[in-house]
Amino acid sequence: MTTVSKSKANLPPFDAARYLVDDKAIAEYLTAVLETEDTDLLLLALSNIARAKGMAQVAKDAGLDRESLYKALAPGAKPRLDTILKVTRARGAKFSAHPA
């Protein structure tokens, strides 16, 4: 199998935020990410979701200032659970538990 590097393929970088256009897409995306149990991936997903709507708007809807939101969703950050829930709700989704 031949692989082509990004520079040779001349492809734009993939941005998941461009595809998170409605609440259903966001819910499906979050569900898939949560199934991985990867906390770093969850942080990236929340960042993508916030960027899809606009960081300033999500910060406002979540009751956070924009700088705090950027810090909470930065790679390697350890946001509090209440911050995660606020960001998720601000974008029209919520968490629920199901039997394993």
PDB file of N, CA and C in Angstrom:
ATOM      1  N   MET A   1       0.842  -1.172   0.000  1.00  0.00           N
ATOM      2  CA  MET A   1       0.000   0.000   0.000  1.00  0.00           C
ATOM      3  C   MET A   1       0.887   1.234   0.000  1.00  0.00           C
ATOM      4  N   THR A   2       0.618   2.148  -0.877  1.00  0.00           N
ATOM      5  CA  THR A   2       1.382   3.381  -0.972  1.00  0.00           C
ATOM      6  C   THR A   2       0.719   4.449  -0.123  1.00  0.00           C
ATOM      7  N   THR A   3       1.523   5.142   0.668  1.00  0.00           N
ATOM      8  CA  THR A   3       0.988   6.246   1.460  1.00  0.00           C
ATOM      9  C   THR A   3       1.478   7.553   0.870  1.00  0.00           C
ATOM     10  N   VAL A   4       0.676   8.563   1.013  1.00  0.00           N
ATOM     11  CA  VAL A   4       1.021   9.882   0.499  1.00  0.00           C
ATOM     12  C   VAL A   4       1.041  10.836   1.677  1.00  0.00           C
ATOM     13  N   SER A   5       2.134  11.562   1.801  1.00  0.00           N
ATOM     14  CA  SER A   5       2.206  12.518   2.905  1.00  0.00           C
ATOM     15  C   SER A   5       1.277  13.690   2.636  1.00  0.00           C
ATOM     16  N   LYS A   6       0.931  14.406   3.701  1.00  0.00           N
ATOM     17  CA  LYS A   6       0.021  15.545   3.578  1.00  0.00           C
ATOM     18  C   LYS A   6       0.563  16.564   2.587  1.00  0.00           C
ATOM     19  N   SER A   7       1.869  16.814   2.639  1.00  0.00           N
ATOM     20  CA  SER A   7       2.435  17.824   1.750  1.00  0.00           C
ATOM     21  C   SER A   7       2.306  17.416   0.283  1.00  0.00           C
ATOM     22  N   LYS A   8       2.412  16.142  -0.017  1.00  0.00           N
ATOM     23  CA  LYS A   8       2.268  15.682  -1.394  1.00  0.00           C
ATOM     24  C   LYS A   8       0.809  15.658  -1.823  1.00  0.00           C
ATOM     25  N   ALA A   9      -0.076  15.357  -0.897  1.00  0.00           N
ATOM     26  CA  ALA A   9      -1.493  15.273  -1.223  1.00  0.00           C
ATOM     27  C   ALA A   9      -2.138  16.652  -1.301  1.00  0.00           C
ATOM     28  N   ASN A  10      -1.537  17.637  -0.662  1.00  0.00           N
ATOM     29  CA  ASN A  10      -2.041  19.010  -0.661  1.00  0.00           C
ATOM     30  C   ASN A  10      -3.477  19.092  -0.136  1.00  0.00           C
ATOM     31  N   LEU A  11      -3.728  18.389   0.956  1.00  0.00           N
ATOM     32  CA  LEU A  11      -5.047  18.381   1.575  1.00  0.00           C
ATOM     33  C   LEU A  11      -5.087  19.362   2.738  1.00  0.00           C
ATOM     34  N   PRO A  12      -6.223  20.001   2.946  1.00  0.00           N
ATOM     35  CA  PRO A  12      -6.337  20.879   4.115  1.00  0.00           C
ATOM     36  C   PRO A  12      -6.424  20.026   5.379  1.00  0.00           C
ATOM     37  N   PRO A  13      -6.035  20.568   6.520  1.00  0.00           N
ATOM     38  CA  PRO A  13      -6.154  19.789   7.757  1.00  0.00           C
ATOM     39  C   PRO A  13      -7.619  19.518   8.084  1.00  0.00           C
ATOM     40  N   PHE A  14      -7.876  18.361   8.665  1.00  0.00           N
ATOM     41  CA  PHE A  14      -9.238  18.003   9.046  1.00  0.00           C
ATOM     42  C   PHE A  14      -9.644  18.804  10.272  1.00  0.00           C
ATOM     43  N   ASP A  15     -10.840  19.356  10.263  1.00  0.00           N
ATOM     44  CA  ASP A  15     -11.364  20.109  11.396  1.00  0.00           C
ATOM     45  C   ASP A  15     -12.761  19.593  11.713  1.00  0.00           C
ATOM     46  N   ALA A  16     -12.872  18.810  12.781  1.00  0.00           N
ATOM     47  CA  ALA A  16     -14.160  18.213  13.155  1.00  0.00           C
ATOM     48  C   ALA A  16     -15.221  19.268  13.416  1.00  0.00           C
ATOM     49  N   ALA A  17     -14.822  20.437  13.887  1.00  0.00           N
ATOM     50  CA  ALA A  17     -15.791  21.494  14.214  1.00  0.00           C
ATOM     51  C   ALA A  17     -16.647  21.871  13.008  1.00  0.00           C
ATOM     52  N   ARG A  18     -16.108  21.753  11.821  1.00  0.00           N
ATOM     53  CA  ARG A  18     -16.857  22.106  10.607  1.00  0.00           C
ATOM     54  C   ARG A  18     -18.060  21.196  10.374  1.00  0.00           C
ATOM     55  N   TYR A  19     -18.036  20.009  10.958  1.00  0.00           N
ATOM     56  CA  TYR A  19     -19.093  19.025  10.728  1.00  0.00           C
ATOM     57  C   TYR A  19     -20.091  18.932  11.883  1.00  0.00           C
ATOM     58  N   LEU A  20     -19.850  19.684  12.924  1.00  0.00           N
ATOM     59  CA  LEU A  20     -20.735  19.662  14.093  1.00  0.00           C
ATOM     60  C   LEU A  20     -21.764  20.768  13.948  1.00  0.00           C
ATOM     61  N   VAL A  21     -22.677  20.570  13.026  1.00  0.00           N
ATOM     62  CA  VAL A  21     -23.596  21.630  12.609  1.00  0.00           C
ATOM     63  C   VAL A  21     -24.932  21.630  13.345  1.00  0.00           C
ATOM     64  N   ASP A  22     -25.257  20.541  14.045  1.00  0.00           N
ATOM     65  CA  ASP A  22     -26.526  20.513  14.769  1.00  0.00           C
ATOM     66  C   ASP A  22     -26.387  19.652  16.025  1.00  0.00           C
ATOM     67  N   ASP A  23     -27.412  19.702  16.857  1.00  0.00           N
ATOM     68  CA  ASP A  23     -27.371  18.985  18.132  1.00  0.00           C
ATOM     69  C   ASP A  23     -27.227  17.478  17.950  1.00  0.00           C
ATOM     70  N   LYS A  24     -27.833  16.932  16.907  1.00  0.00           N
ATOM     71  CA  LYS A  24     -27.734  15.487  16.669  1.00  0.00           C
ATOM     72  C   LYS A  24     -26.294  15.086  16.354  1.00  0.00           C
ATOM     73  N   ALA A  25     -25.628  15.842  15.506  1.00  0.00           N
ATOM     74  CA  ALA A  25     -24.235  15.545  15.162  1.00  0.00           C
ATOM     75  C   ALA A  25     -23.348  15.637  16.399  1.00  0.00           C
ATOM     76  N   ILE A  26     -23.603  16.639  17.224  1.00  0.00           N
ATOM     77  CA  ILE A  26     -22.811  16.816  18.442  1.00  0.00           C
ATOM     78  C   ILE A  26     -23.039  15.649  19.399  1.00  0.00           C
ATOM     79  N   ALA A  27     -24.282  15.246  19.579  1.00  0.00           N
ATOM     80  CA  ALA A  27     -24.591  14.133  20.480  1.00  0.00           C
ATOM     81  C   ALA A  27     -23.941  12.837  19.999  1.00  0.00           C
ATOM     82  N   GLU A  28     -24.001  12.577  18.708  1.00  0.00           N
ATOM     83  CA  GLU A  28     -23.385  11.363  18.160  1.00  0.00           C
ATOM     84  C   GLU A  28     -21.869  11.404  18.318  1.00  0.00           C
ATOM     85  N   TYR A  29     -21.280  12.567  18.086  1.00  0.00           N
ATOM     86  CA  TYR A  29     -19.835  12.750  18.242  1.00  0.00           C
ATOM     87  C   TYR A  29     -19.430  12.505  19.697  1.00  0.00           C
ATOM     88  N   LEU A  30     -20.126  13.132  20.636  1.00  0.00           N
ATOM     89  CA  LEU A  30     -19.813  12.948  22.055  1.00  0.00           C
ATOM     90  C   LEU A  30     -19.992  11.498  22.481  1.00  0.00           C
ATOM     91  N   THR A  31     -21.040  10.850  22.012  1.00  0.00           N
ATOM     92  CA  THR A  31     -21.277   9.449  22.357  1.00  0.00           C
ATOM     93  C   THR A  31     -20.117   8.580  21.885  1.00  0.00           C
ATOM     94  N   ALA A  32     -19.674   8.786  20.661  1.00  0.00           N
ATOM     95  CA  ALA A  32     -18.554   8.009  20.121  1.00  0.00           C
ATOM     96  C   ALA A  32     -17.278   8.259  20.917  1.00  0.00           C
ATOM     97  N   VAL A  33     -17.035   9.507  21.278  1.00  0.00           N
ATOM     98  CA  VAL A  33     -15.830   9.839  22.043  1.00  0.00           C
ATOM     99  C   VAL A  33     -15.897   9.228  23.442  1.00  0.00           C
ATOM    100  N   LEU A  34     -17.042   9.326  24.096  1.00  0.00           N
ATOM    101  CA  LEU A  34     -17.179   8.767  25.448  1.00  0.00           C
ATOM    102  C   LEU A  34     -16.982   7.259  25.461  1.00  0.00           C
ATOM    103  N   GLU A  35     -17.360   6.581  24.395  1.00  0.00           N
ATOM    104  CA  GLU A  35     -17.182   5.130  24.322  1.00  0.00           C
ATOM    105  C   GLU A  35     -15.712   4.734  24.320  1.00  0.00           C
ATOM    106  N   THR A  36     -14.827   5.640  23.929  1.00  0.00           N
ATOM    107  CA  THR A  36     -13.391   5.337  23.926  1.00  0.00           C
ATOM    108  C   THR A  36     -12.792   5.387  25.326  1.00  0.00           C
ATOM    109  N   GLU A  37     -13.465   6.073  26.257  1.00  0.00           N
ATOM    110  CA  GLU A  37     -12.969   6.276  27.622  1.00  0.00           C
ATOM    111  C   GLU A  37     -11.613   6.980  27.638  1.00  0.00           C
ATOM    112  N   ASP A  38     -11.333   7.768  26.634  1.00  0.00           N
ATOM    113  CA  ASP A  38     -10.075   8.510  26.507  1.00  0.00           C
ATOM    114  C   ASP A  38     -10.326   9.958  26.928  1.00  0.00           C
ATOM    115  N   THR A  39      -9.798  10.349  28.079  1.00  0.00           N
ATOM    116  CA  THR A  39     -10.071  11.690  28.598  1.00  0.00           C
ATOM    117  C   THR A  39      -9.444  12.787  27.743  1.00  0.00           C
ATOM    118  N   ASP A  40      -8.295  12.520  27.151  1.00  0.00           N
ATOM    119  CA  ASP A  40      -7.684  13.515  26.265  1.00  0.00           C
ATOM    120  C   ASP A  40      -8.540  13.726  25.020  1.00  0.00           C
ATOM    121  N   LEU A  41      -9.097  12.653  24.504  1.00  0.00           N
ATOM    122  CA  LEU A  41      -9.973  12.755  23.338  1.00  0.00           C
ATOM    123  C   LEU A  41     -11.260  13.496  23.698  1.00  0.00           C
ATOM    124  N   LEU A  42     -11.771  13.281  24.904  1.00  0.00           N
ATOM    125  CA  LEU A  42     -12.959  14.008  25.354  1.00  0.00           C
ATOM    126  C   LEU A  42     -12.676  15.502  25.412  1.00  0.00           C
ATOM    127  N   LEU A  43     -11.523  15.881  25.921  1.00  0.00           N
ATOM    128  CA  LEU A  43     -11.147  17.292  25.989  1.00  0.00           C
ATOM    129  C   LEU A  43     -11.062  17.895  24.586  1.00  0.00           C
ATOM    130  N   LEU A  44     -10.467  17.162  23.654  1.00  0.00           N
ATOM    131  CA  LEU A  44     -10.395  17.626  22.268  1.00  0.00           C
ATOM    132  C   LEU A  44     -11.793  17.750  21.671  1.00  0.00           C
ATOM    133  N   ALA A  45     -12.648  16.782  21.946  1.00  0.00           N
ATOM    134  CA  ALA A  45     -14.021  16.826  21.426  1.00  0.00           C
ATOM    135  C   ALA A  45     -14.773  18.036  21.963  1.00  0.00           C
ATOM    136  N   LEU A  46     -14.637  18.314  23.252  1.00  0.00           N
ATOM    137  CA  LEU A  46     -15.305  19.485  23.827  1.00  0.00           C
ATOM    138  C   LEU A  46     -14.789  20.772  23.203  1.00  0.00           C
ATOM    139  N   SER A  47     -13.503  20.815  22.920  1.00  0.00           N
ATOM    140  CA  SER A  47     -12.926  21.978  22.243  1.00  0.00           C
ATOM    141  C   SER A  47     -13.495  22.112  20.835  1.00  0.00           C
ATOM    142  N   ASN A  48     -13.583  21.009  20.112  1.00  0.00           N
ATOM    143  CA  ASN A  48     -14.165  21.035  18.763  1.00  0.00           C
ATOM    144  C   ASN A  48     -15.616  21.498  18.802  1.00  0.00           C
ATOM    145  N   ILE A  49     -16.359  21.011  19.783  1.00  0.00           N
ATOM    146  CA  ILE A  49     -17.766  21.393  19.920  1.00  0.00           C
ATOM    147  C   ILE A  49     -17.887  22.884  20.213  1.00  0.00           C
ATOM    148  N   ALA A  50     -17.048  23.381  21.101  1.00  0.00           N
ATOM    149  CA  ALA A  50     -17.080  24.812  21.436  1.00  0.00           C
ATOM    150  C   ALA A  50     -16.702  25.667  20.226  1.00  0.00           C
ATOM    151  N   ARG A  51     -15.694  25.237  19.482  1.00  0.00           N
ATOM    152  CA  ARG A  51     -15.292  25.999  18.291  1.00  0.00           C
ATOM    153  C   ARG A  51     -16.377  25.986  17.224  1.00  0.00           C
ATOM    154  N   ALA A  52     -17.158  24.902  17.163  1.00  0.00           N
ATOM    155  CA  ALA A  52     -18.221  24.809  16.160  1.00  0.00           C
ATOM    156  C   ALA A  52     -19.261  25.909  16.347  1.00  0.00           C
ATOM    157  N   LYS A  53     -19.548  26.248  17.567  1.00  0.00           N
ATOM    158  CA  LYS A  53     -20.533  27.298  17.845  1.00  0.00           C
ATOM    159  C   LYS A  53     -19.873  28.658  17.969  1.00  0.00           C
ATOM    160  N   GLY A  54     -18.615  28.659  18.349  1.00  0.00           N
ATOM    161  CA  GLY A  54     -17.892  29.900  18.617  1.00  0.00           C
ATOM    162  C   GLY A  54     -17.549  29.941  20.095  1.00  0.00           C
ATOM    163  N   MET A  55     -16.272  30.046  20.383  1.00  0.00           N
ATOM    164  CA  MET A  55     -15.819  29.997  21.772  1.00  0.00           C
ATOM    165  C   MET A  55     -16.470  31.085  22.620  1.00  0.00           C
ATOM    166  N   ALA A  56     -16.581  32.287  22.082  1.00  0.00           N
ATOM    167  CA  ALA A  56     -17.161  33.389  22.861  1.00  0.00           C
ATOM    168  C   ALA A  56     -18.616  33.095  23.219  1.00  0.00           C
ATOM    169  N   GLN A  57     -19.376  32.566  22.273  1.00  0.00           N
ATOM    170  CA  GLN A  57     -20.786  32.261  22.529  1.00  0.00           C
ATOM    171  C   GLN A  57     -20.934  31.123  23.528  1.00  0.00           C
ATOM    172  N   VAL A  58     -20.117  30.084  23.385  1.00  0.00           N
ATOM    173  CA  VAL A  58     -20.180  28.962  24.322  1.00  0.00           C
ATOM    174  C   VAL A  58     -19.796  29.433  25.721  1.00  0.00           C
ATOM    175  N   ALA A  59     -18.752  30.251  25.813  1.00  0.00           N
ATOM    176  CA  ALA A  59     -18.346  30.784  27.116  1.00  0.00           C
ATOM    177  C   ALA A  59     -19.493  31.558  27.752  1.00  0.00           C
ATOM    178  N   LYS A  60     -20.131  32.401  26.970  1.00  0.00           N
ATOM    179  CA  LYS A  60     -21.260  33.191  27.475  1.00  0.00           C
ATOM    180  C   LYS A  60     -22.396  32.276  27.932  1.00  0.00           C
ATOM    181  N   ASP A  61     -22.777  31.323  27.091  1.00  0.00           N
ATOM    182  CA  ASP A  61     -23.876  30.407  27.416  1.00  0.00           C
ATOM    183  C   ASP A  61     -23.558  29.534  28.635  1.00  0.00           C
ATOM    184  N   ALA A  62     -22.275  29.238  28.833  1.00  0.00           N
ATOM    185  CA  ALA A  62     -21.854  28.391  29.950  1.00  0.00           C
ATOM    186  C   ALA A  62     -21.602  29.196  31.225  1.00  0.00           C
ATOM    187  N   GLY A  63     -21.654  30.512  31.120  1.00  0.00           N
ATOM    188  CA  GLY A  63     -21.402  31.353  32.284  1.00  0.00           C
ATOM    189  C   GLY A  63     -19.935  31.440  32.646  1.00  0.00           C
ATOM    190  N   LEU A  64     -19.075  31.311  31.640  1.00  0.00           N
ATOM    191  CA  LEU A  64     -17.628  31.388  31.836  1.00  0.00           C
ATOM    192  C   LEU A  64     -17.082  32.553  31.031  1.00  0.00           C
ATOM    193  N   ASP A  65     -15.900  33.043  31.409  1.00  0.00           N
ATOM    194  CA  ASP A  65     -15.284  34.019  30.517  1.00  0.00           C
ATOM    195  C   ASP A  65     -14.486  33.253  29.463  1.00  0.00           C
ATOM    196  N   ARG A  66     -14.268  33.894  28.325  1.00  0.00           N
ATOM    197  CA  ARG A  66     -13.659  33.225  27.172  1.00  0.00           C
ATOM    198  C   ARG A  66     -12.274  32.673  27.500  1.00  0.00           C
ATOM    199  N   GLU A  67     -11.478  33.439  28.233  1.00  0.00           N
ATOM    200  CA  GLU A  67     -10.125  32.994  28.573  1.00  0.00           C
ATOM    201  C   GLU A  67     -10.166  31.730  29.433  1.00  0.00           C
ATOM    202  N   SER A  68     -11.091  31.680  30.376  1.00  0.00           N
ATOM    203  CA  SER A  68     -11.227  30.483  31.224  1.00  0.00           C
ATOM    204  C   SER A  68     -11.629  29.268  30.395  1.00  0.00           C
ATOM    205  N   LEU A  69     -12.493  29.484  29.415  1.00  0.00           N
ATOM    206  CA  LEU A  69     -12.908  28.385  28.547  1.00  0.00           C
ATOM    207  C   LEU A  69     -11.726  27.863  27.737  1.00  0.00           C
ATOM    208  N   TYR A  70     -10.937  28.765  27.157  1.00  0.00           N
ATOM    209  CA  TYR A  70      -9.758  28.338  26.408  1.00  0.00           C
ATOM    210  C   TYR A  70      -8.817  27.531  27.299  1.00  0.00           C
ATOM    211  N   LYS A  71      -8.576  27.999  28.521  1.00  0.00           N
ATOM    212  CA  LYS A  71      -7.681  27.291  29.443  1.00  0.00           C
ATOM    213  C   LYS A  71      -8.243  25.923  29.816  1.00  0.00           C
ATOM    214  N   ALA A  72      -9.545  25.863  30.067  1.00  0.00           N
ATOM    215  CA  ALA A  72     -10.168  24.600  30.469  1.00  0.00           C
ATOM    216  C   ALA A  72     -10.112  23.552  29.367  1.00  0.00           C
ATOM    217  N   LEU A  73     -10.131  23.992  28.109  1.00  0.00           N
ATOM    218  CA  LEU A  73     -10.158  23.059  26.980  1.00  0.00           C
ATOM    219  C   LEU A  73      -8.814  22.904  26.286  1.00  0.00           C
ATOM    220  N   ALA A  74      -7.777  23.493  26.852  1.00  0.00           N
ATOM    221  CA  ALA A  74      -6.439  23.385  26.262  1.00  0.00           C
ATOM    222  C   ALA A  74      -5.918  21.954  26.417  1.00  0.00           C
ATOM    223  N   PRO A  75      -5.107  21.491  25.465  1.00  0.00           N
ATOM    224  CA  PRO A  75      -4.537  20.145  25.590  1.00  0.00           C
ATOM    225  C   PRO A  75      -3.811  19.989  26.928  1.00  0.00           C
ATOM    226  N   GLY A  76      -4.081  18.894  27.604  1.00  0.00           N
ATOM    227  CA  GLY A  76      -3.439  18.616  28.883  1.00  0.00           C
ATOM    228  C   GLY A  76      -4.134  19.235  30.086  1.00  0.00           C
ATOM    229  N   ALA A  77      -5.161  20.045  29.851  1.00  0.00           N
ATOM    230  CA  ALA A  77      -5.886  20.672  30.960  1.00  0.00           C
ATOM    231  C   ALA A  77      -6.672  19.611  31.724  1.00  0.00           C
ATOM    232  N   LYS A  78      -6.996  19.920  32.935  1.00  0.00           N
ATOM    233  CA  LYS A  78      -7.809  19.036  33.775  1.00  0.00           C
ATOM    234  C   LYS A  78      -9.028  19.830  34.248  1.00  0.00           C
ATOM    235  N   PRO A  79      -9.999  20.049  33.345  1.00  0.00           N
ATOM    236  CA  PRO A  79     -11.161  20.863  33.725  1.00  0.00           C
ATOM    237  C   PRO A  79     -12.010  20.169  34.786  1.00  0.00           C
ATOM    238  N   ARG A  80     -12.676  20.985  35.579  1.00  0.00           N
ATOM    239  CA  ARG A  80     -13.589  20.457  36.591  1.00  0.00           C
ATOM    240  C   ARG A  80     -14.822  19.882  35.900  1.00  0.00           C
ATOM    241  N   LEU A  81     -15.464  18.944  36.572  1.00  0.00           N
ATOM    242  CA  LEU A  81     -16.659  18.323  36.007  1.00  0.00           C
ATOM    243  C   LEU A  81     -17.741  19.359  35.735  1.00  0.00           C
ATOM    244  N   ASP A  82     -17.907  20.334  36.619  1.00  0.00           N
ATOM    245  CA  ASP A  82     -18.952  21.335  36.387  1.00  0.00           C
ATOM    246  C   ASP A  82     -18.672  22.148  35.131  1.00  0.00           C
ATOM    247  N   THR A  83     -17.403  22.380  34.823  1.00  0.00           N
ATOM    248  CA  THR A  83     -17.048  23.091  33.589  1.00  0.00           C
ATOM    249  C   THR A  83     -17.408  22.246  32.374  1.00  0.00           C
ATOM    250  N   ILE A  84     -17.094  20.963  32.426  1.00  0.00           N
ATOM    251  CA  ILE A  84     -17.426  20.054  31.322  1.00  0.00           C
ATOM    252  C   ILE A  84     -18.940  20.028  31.097  1.00  0.00           C
ATOM    253  N   LEU A  85     -19.697  19.936  32.172  1.00  0.00           N
ATOM    254  CA  LEU A  85     -21.157  19.899  32.047  1.00  0.00           C
ATOM    255  C   LEU A  85     -21.713  21.211  31.506  1.00  0.00           C
ATOM    256  N   LYS A  86     -21.169  22.334  31.939  1.00  0.00           N
ATOM    257  CA  LYS A  86     -21.622  23.641  31.450  1.00  0.00           C
ATOM    258  C   LYS A  86     -21.362  23.790  29.955  1.00  0.00           C
ATOM    259  N   VAL A  87     -20.172  23.394  29.522  1.00  0.00           N
ATOM    260  CA  VAL A  87     -19.820  23.502  28.101  1.00  0.00           C
ATOM    261  C   VAL A  87     -20.718  22.591  27.273  1.00  0.00           C
ATOM    262  N   THR A  88     -20.943  21.393  27.746  1.00  0.00           N
ATOM    263  CA  THR A  88     -21.786  20.441  27.026  1.00  0.00           C
ATOM    264  C   THR A  88     -23.218  20.958  26.906  1.00  0.00           C
ATOM    265  N   ARG A  89     -23.766  21.448  28.009  1.00  0.00           N
ATOM    266  CA  ARG A  89     -25.133  21.995  27.987  1.00  0.00           C
ATOM    267  C   ARG A  89     -25.222  23.235  27.107  1.00  0.00           C
ATOM    268  N   ALA A  90     -24.184  24.075  27.144  1.00  0.00           N
ATOM    269  CA  ALA A  90     -24.193  25.307  26.354  1.00  0.00           C
ATOM    270  C   ALA A  90     -24.270  25.008  24.866  1.00  0.00           C
ATOM    271  N   ARG A  91     -23.854  23.828  24.483  1.00  0.00           N
ATOM    272  CA  ARG A  91     -23.876  23.470  23.060  1.00  0.00           C
ATOM    273  C   ARG A  91     -25.032  22.536  22.727  1.00  0.00           C
ATOM    274  N   GLY A  92     -25.943  22.343  23.674  1.00  0.00           N
ATOM    275  CA  GLY A  92     -27.162  21.604  23.358  1.00  0.00           C
ATOM    276  C   GLY A  92     -27.098  20.113  23.568  1.00  0.00           C
ATOM    277  N   ALA A  93     -26.186  19.640  24.409  1.00  0.00           N
ATOM    278  CA  ALA A  93     -26.090  18.209  24.682  1.00  0.00           C
ATOM    279  C   ALA A  93     -26.058  18.006  26.192  1.00  0.00           C
ATOM    280  N   LYS A  94     -26.257  16.773  26.614  1.00  0.00           N
ATOM    281  CA  LYS A  94     -26.141  16.438  28.026  1.00  0.00           C
ATOM    282  C   LYS A  94     -25.676  15.001  28.141  1.00  0.00           C
ATOM    283  N   PHE A  95     -25.108  14.687  29.286  1.00  0.00           N
ATOM    284  CA  PHE A  95     -24.643  13.334  29.547  1.00  0.00           C
ATOM    285  C   PHE A  95     -25.762  12.523  30.180  1.00  0.00           C
ATOM    286  N   SER A  96     -25.746  11.221  29.936  1.00  0.00           N
ATOM    287  CA  SER A  96     -26.674  10.321  30.615  1.00  0.00           C
ATOM    288  C   SER A  96     -25.964   8.992  30.840  1.00  0.00           C
ATOM    289  N   ALA A  97     -26.428   8.258  31.835  1.00  0.00           N
ATOM    290  CA  ALA A  97     -25.824   6.968  32.160  1.00  0.00           C
ATOM    291  C   ALA A  97     -26.730   5.840  31.675  1.00  0.00           C
ATOM    292  N   HIS A  98     -26.097   4.764  31.236  1.00  0.00           N
ATOM    293  CA  HIS A  98     -26.815   3.577  30.763  1.00  0.00           C
ATOM    294  C   HIS A  98     -26.140   2.347  31.362  1.00  0.00           C
ATOM    295  N   PRO A  99     -26.863   1.272  31.580  1.00  0.00           N
ATOM    296  CA  PRO A  99     -26.226   0.058  32.084  1.00  0.00           C
ATOM    297  C   PRO A  99     -25.138  -0.407  31.117  1.00  0.00           C
ATOM    298  N   ALA A 100     -24.058  -0.892  31.671  1.00  0.00           N
ATOM    299  CA  ALA A 100     -22.940  -1.354  30.833  1.00  0.00           C
ATOM    300  C   ALA A 100     -23.245  -2.687  30.201  1.00  0.00           C
TER     301      ALA A 100
END
